[in-house]
Amino acid sequence: MLKGKKVLLRPVKRSDIDHFLKWFNDQEVIRYLSMYLPMTEIGEENWIEEISTSKDSVFFVIEAIGNNRQRKTIGCCGLHNLNAKDQCAEFGIAIGERTYWDCGFGTQAARLLLDYGFMELNLHRVSSGVCDYNERSIAMHERAGFVYEGISREAIYKNGRFWDRINFGMLKVDWEIIRKKENSKKPA
């Protein structure tokens, strides 16, 4: 488990299926994700089995930590297409509980996952892409420290039209600078 002040990242469990079915069948949630087909219970069970045994992905469930230390499952995140030779991966995140949008939970989860990727998996680069209308995700990527790398024009078909994909990346050296700044802010 990876723990921050506001969130905890933990491995996925079969009991998470109900959360995933709720989130990934919510049109407002999937509006911002690459998925577009309805999620079925059998499909989700198969996906959990696949992601749990995958050698090219690490996947976590995001839990919000409440004032009295109670935890609520609010989303998921992962590093996908792990490439050992090139030491790179693709970042993905979804906060499925809409009441937790715009509260900083995604940014903290992203930072925990990036720290894990760079410091434990020894990645050199993490990339990510966002549909250009997803202003919330673009802002989260910037707050987490991702660097804008360009646009893939009309690369995503969603909601009846093509959209540009905003490409972000982060190198280990970028992350080390962010960590150093954050650690210097902490009281001794």
Protein backbone atom coordinates (compact mmCIF):
# COMPACT_ATOMS: atom_id res chain seq x y z
CA MET A 1 0.00 0.00 0.00
CA LEU A 2 1.07 3.55 -0.72
CA LYS A 3 -0.14 6.16 1.74
CA GLY A 4 -0.38 9.93 1.59
CA LYS A 5 -2.19 12.45 3.81
CA LYS A 6 -5.48 12.30 1.88
CA VAL A 7 -5.32 9.01 -0.02
CA LEU A 8 -4.16 5.44 0.19
CA LEU A 9 -3.36 3.34 -2.88
CA ARG A 10 -3.99 -0.37 -2.44
CA PRO A 11 -4.15 -3.42 -4.72
CA VAL A 12 -7.45 -4.21 -6.39
CA LYS A 13 -9.76 -6.83 -4.82
CA ARG A 14 -12.67 -8.76 -6.28
CA SER A 15 -14.98 -6.82 -3.95
CA ASP A 16 -14.07 -3.65 -5.90
CA ILE A 17 -16.21 -4.85 -8.82
CA ASP A 18 -19.30 -3.05 -7.51
CA HIS A 19 -17.40 0.26 -7.47
CA PHE A 20 -16.04 -0.26 -10.97
CA LEU A 21 -19.47 -1.21 -12.35
CA LYS A 22 -20.99 1.92 -10.80
CA TRP A 23 -18.26 4.27 -12.05
CA PHE A 24 -17.66 2.83 -15.48
CA ASN A 25 -21.35 2.74 -16.33
CA ASP A 26 -21.80 6.38 -15.23
CA GLN A 27 -21.92 8.48 -18.41
CA GLU A 28 -20.53 11.54 -16.63
CA VAL A 29 -17.50 9.57 -15.39
CA ILE A 30 -16.70 7.79 -18.65
CA ARG A 31 -17.16 11.02 -20.58
CA TYR A 32 -13.58 11.76 -19.55
CA LEU A 33 -12.13 8.27 -20.07
CA SER A 34 -11.13 6.29 -23.14
CA MET A 35 -13.76 3.61 -22.47
CA TYR A 36 -17.04 3.78 -24.31
CA LEU A 37 -18.68 0.34 -24.05
CA PRO A 38 -20.95 -0.58 -21.14
CA MET A 39 -19.16 -2.45 -18.34
CA THR A 40 -20.51 -5.89 -17.45
CA GLU A 41 -19.90 -7.82 -14.26
CA ILE A 42 -18.30 -10.73 -16.15
CA GLY A 43 -16.15 -8.34 -18.17
CA GLU A 44 -15.04 -6.57 -15.01
CA GLU A 45 -14.21 -9.88 -13.27
CA ASN A 46 -12.09 -10.88 -16.27
CA TRP A 47 -10.39 -7.48 -16.31
CA ILE A 48 -9.57 -7.68 -12.58
CA GLU A 49 -8.08 -11.14 -13.09
CA GLU A 50 -6.06 -9.88 -16.05
CA ILE A 51 -4.77 -6.73 -14.34
CA SER A 52 -3.93 -8.64 -11.16
CA THR A 53 -1.64 -11.04 -12.99
CA SER A 54 -0.28 -8.62 -15.58
CA LYS A 55 3.47 -8.22 -15.93
CA ASP A 56 3.15 -4.96 -17.84
CA SER A 57 0.83 -3.01 -15.51
CA VAL A 58 0.61 -2.00 -11.88
CA PHE A 59 -2.86 -1.02 -10.76
CA PHE A 60 -4.14 0.47 -7.52
CA VAL A 61 -7.49 1.39 -6.02
CA ILE A 62 -7.62 4.90 -4.54
CA GLU A 63 -9.14 5.28 -1.09
CA ALA A 64 -9.81 8.67 0.51
CA ILE A 65 -8.71 8.86 4.13
CA GLY A 66 -11.34 10.56 6.28
CA ASN A 67 -10.91 12.69 9.41
CA ASN A 68 -11.51 9.70 11.69
CA ARG A 69 -9.22 7.49 9.56
CA GLN A 70 -12.17 5.85 7.81
CA ARG A 71 -11.48 5.04 4.18
CA LYS A 72 -13.75 5.36 1.16
CA THR A 73 -13.01 3.82 -2.22
CA ILE A 74 -13.10 6.70 -4.74
CA GLY A 75 -11.13 5.70 -7.84
CA CYS A 76 -8.25 3.83 -9.42
CA CYS A 77 -4.91 4.52 -11.05
CA GLY A 78 -2.09 2.64 -12.67
CA LEU A 79 1.04 2.48 -14.74
CA HIS A 80 0.45 0.53 -17.93
CA ASN A 81 2.52 -0.80 -20.82
CA LEU A 82 5.55 -1.08 -18.56
CA ASN A 83 8.61 -1.45 -20.74
CA ALA A 84 11.70 -2.76 -18.92
CA LYS A 85 14.12 -2.05 -21.76
CA ASP A 86 13.13 1.58 -22.22
CA GLN A 87 12.17 2.00 -18.53
CA CYS A 88 8.88 3.69 -19.37
CA ALA A 89 5.16 3.36 -18.68
CA GLU A 90 1.83 5.08 -19.36
CA PHE A 91 -0.06 6.75 -16.52
CA GLY A 92 -3.82 6.46 -16.06
CA ILE A 93 -6.23 7.61 -13.36
CA ALA A 94 -9.97 7.85 -12.73
CA ILE A 95 -11.77 9.32 -9.76
CA GLY A 96 -15.12 7.56 -10.05
CA GLU A 97 -16.85 9.17 -7.08
CA ARG A 98 -17.92 12.54 -8.47
CA THR A 99 -18.21 14.17 -5.04
CA TYR A 100 -14.42 13.76 -4.77
CA TRP A 101 -13.69 15.66 -8.00
CA ASP A 102 -11.78 18.94 -7.66
CA CYS A 103 -10.61 18.16 -4.10
CA GLY A 104 -6.96 17.23 -4.72
CA PHE A 105 -7.38 13.47 -4.31
CA GLY A 106 -6.36 12.76 -7.90
CA THR A 107 -3.24 14.91 -7.67
CA GLN A 108 -2.09 13.20 -4.48
CA ALA A 109 -2.82 9.74 -5.90
CA ALA A 110 -0.86 10.67 -9.05
CA ARG A 111 2.13 11.81 -6.98
CA LEU A 112 2.12 8.61 -4.92
CA LEU A 113 1.96 6.51 -8.08
CA LEU A 114 4.71 8.51 -9.80
CA ASP A 115 6.94 8.16 -6.75
CA TYR A 116 6.38 4.41 -6.83
CA GLY A 117 7.10 4.26 -10.56
CA PHE A 118 10.30 6.27 -10.43
CA MET A 119 11.70 5.19 -7.07
CA GLU A 120 10.58 1.53 -6.85
CA LEU A 121 10.16 0.45 -10.47
CA ASN A 122 13.15 2.54 -11.57
CA LEU A 123 11.28 4.05 -14.50
CA HIS A 124 12.99 6.72 -16.57
CA ARG A 125 9.85 8.13 -18.20
CA VAL A 126 6.09 8.18 -17.61
CA SER A 127 3.76 9.44 -20.32
CA SER A 128 0.08 10.29 -20.29
CA GLY A 129 -2.59 11.58 -22.65
CA VAL A 130 -5.75 13.57 -22.01
CA CYS A 131 -8.68 14.44 -24.24
CA ASP A 132 -8.50 18.20 -24.85
CA TYR A 133 -11.93 18.92 -23.32
CA ASN A 134 -10.95 17.34 -19.97
CA GLU A 135 -9.82 20.53 -18.24
CA ARG A 136 -9.89 18.88 -14.81
CA SER A 137 -7.42 16.18 -15.87
CA ILE A 138 -5.18 18.66 -17.68
CA ALA A 139 -4.94 20.75 -14.49
CA MET A 140 -4.25 17.62 -12.38
CA HIS A 141 -1.40 16.59 -14.69
CA GLU A 142 0.12 20.07 -14.40
CA ARG A 143 -0.23 20.10 -10.58
CA ALA A 144 1.37 16.64 -10.38
CA GLY A 145 4.36 17.94 -12.34
CA PHE A 146 3.82 16.48 -15.80
CA VAL A 147 5.29 18.47 -18.68
CA TYR A 148 3.20 19.37 -21.73
CA GLU A 149 4.74 17.65 -24.76
CA GLY A 150 2.34 18.43 -27.58
CA ILE A 151 -0.91 17.54 -29.26
CA SER A 152 -1.96 14.53 -31.30
CA ARG A 153 -4.56 16.11 -33.55
CA GLU A 154 -7.99 14.48 -33.65
CA ALA A 155 -6.64 11.28 -32.07
CA ILE A 156 -9.67 10.47 -29.88
CA TYR A 157 -13.18 9.74 -31.11
CA LYS A 158 -15.65 10.48 -28.33
CA ASN A 159 -19.21 11.78 -28.09
CA GLY A 160 -19.74 11.77 -31.86
CA ARG A 161 -16.62 13.63 -32.95
CA PHE A 162 -12.83 13.64 -32.97
CA TRP A 163 -10.86 15.43 -30.25
CA ASP A 164 -7.22 16.33 -29.86
CA ARG A 165 -5.10 14.37 -27.39
CA ILE A 166 -2.94 16.49 -25.07
CA ASN A 167 0.32 14.62 -24.44
CA PHE A 168 2.20 14.88 -21.17
CA GLY A 169 5.40 13.30 -19.95
CA MET A 170 7.64 13.20 -16.93
CA LEU A 171 11.23 12.06 -16.61
CA LYS A 172 12.79 10.67 -13.46
CA VAL A 173 14.98 13.78 -13.22
CA ASP A 174 11.80 15.95 -13.25
CA TRP A 175 10.35 13.84 -10.44
CA GLU A 176 13.55 14.06 -8.38
CA ILE A 177 13.37 17.88 -8.55
CA ILE A 178 9.71 17.81 -7.44
CA ARG A 179 10.54 15.44 -4.54
CA LYS A 180 13.45 17.63 -3.46
CA LYS A 181 11.22 20.75 -3.41
CA GLU A 182 8.49 18.94 -1.45
CA ASN A 183 10.96 17.52 1.07
CA SER A 184 12.52 20.97 1.62
CA LYS A 185 9.05 22.31 2.57
CA LYS A 186 8.59 19.71 5.32
CA PRO A 187 9.46 20.81 8.87
CA ALA A 188 12.63 19.22 10.24
